[in-house]
Amino acid sequence: MGGREVEVGIIEAKPSTVPMPVSLNARTVAYETSEVRPQVTGVIKKIYFTQGSTVRAGQPLYQIDPSLYRAAVHEAEANLASAKATAESAKARAARLKPLAEMEAVARQDYTDAKADAGVAQAAIAQASAALETARVNLRFSTVPAPISGTIGRNLVTVGALVSDSQADPMAVIQRTDPMYVDMQQSASELIALRRQLSQGGAEPGSTEVRLQLDDGTDYGLPGRVQFSEVTVNQDTGTVTLRAQFPNPEGLLLPGMFATAIFDQARNPGAFLVPQGAVQRDFDGTGYVMLAGPDGKAVRRNLDAGRTYKEFFVVTKGLKKGDRIIVQGLNGLRQGMPVKAVAASQPQPVERPKPAGQGR
């Protein structure tokens, strides 16, 4: 007994490459961070910057009292001049004794000693030159410059404070926040499963473009790019860190902000997109769809629909190209029932109940 045909709306199964988006917990990190530290010991005489302002690399930030270092430069200059004078005298004496030694007018040992003295004096010039260079470097270090360009934070020392080249605490911290890094945390097990899919052909690499959703739920308008993935798993969390870079021209992103990073880490080649309303579930959770078979009857087909993409289920197993998936008229439809398939995009007639007692 075939029964009356049920009119159903269908779509044709067509394979496509479907993105596999992932959402990862993320946190913003400054692109560059530098702690300003003294390289010489002394008392702070001047501070040249405003807290919270933008500074340029090389811009003077602090002036340490240069008196001792300037005096050291003068002393080194005097020592160098003395070494040069001594070397000139030793060189001249060796030159005078050379012909006399050849004529044996003086002992050859005297000439040998004079020549050695000239060499020692020349070495003393090199030592004095190095000491002068060191003194000049220390004098230059008495002016503390900005190591990088960026926004400088709180001033952690004051005028009159004694700072040391061996101190543990910085004088200030500079951060460059344009561009900005975003560190994403992904489960190591998820990453391993993805790599296994990639190696077995079940997926292919996706896009490196990343979208960012801020902690208040709003979208950050500018896209970023994945830069790299670490090769070490965090032993405490079991996660791997992926780093993306975002432009931050307006300074909206601040270091330490929490966010959600969304990007298409891979793509499913040859997958099918099936409207969610067409996929039904058994009591054990098995997914299935109803197809319009070639013999004009409804056919049940189990499938693998483990994830969604927009308003669709992504089906990787159970369908083939050309299958006619029933998406309308599913109420009460069972395996083997005769069906009349029409395109789902066409309007379908609504069957109204007939008055009681009225024949066909």
Foldseek 3Di string as FASTA:
>chain_A
DQDDAAAFAWDFWDFFKFFDKDKFKKFWAFPDKDFFAFQAWAFWADADDDAFDWDAAFAFGTAGPLVVLVVQLVVLVVQLVVLVVQLVVLVVVLVVCPVCVVVVVDPVVVSVVSVVSNVVSVVSNVVSVVSNVVSVVNSVSSGGGHRHTATKHDQPDDGGDIHHSPDDHGRIMGTHVFWMKMKTKDAPVVVVVVVVCCVVVQWHFDAQKKWKQFPVRHTDPWIWGWDDKDPDADPVPNITITMIITGQVPVPRDGGGMIMMMDRGIIGGGKTWAAPQQWDADPVGFIWGWFQDPVQWIAIWTFDFPDHDVRTTITDDTDDGGTITGRGDPVPHDGGRGYDYDHNVDDDDDDDDDDPPDDD
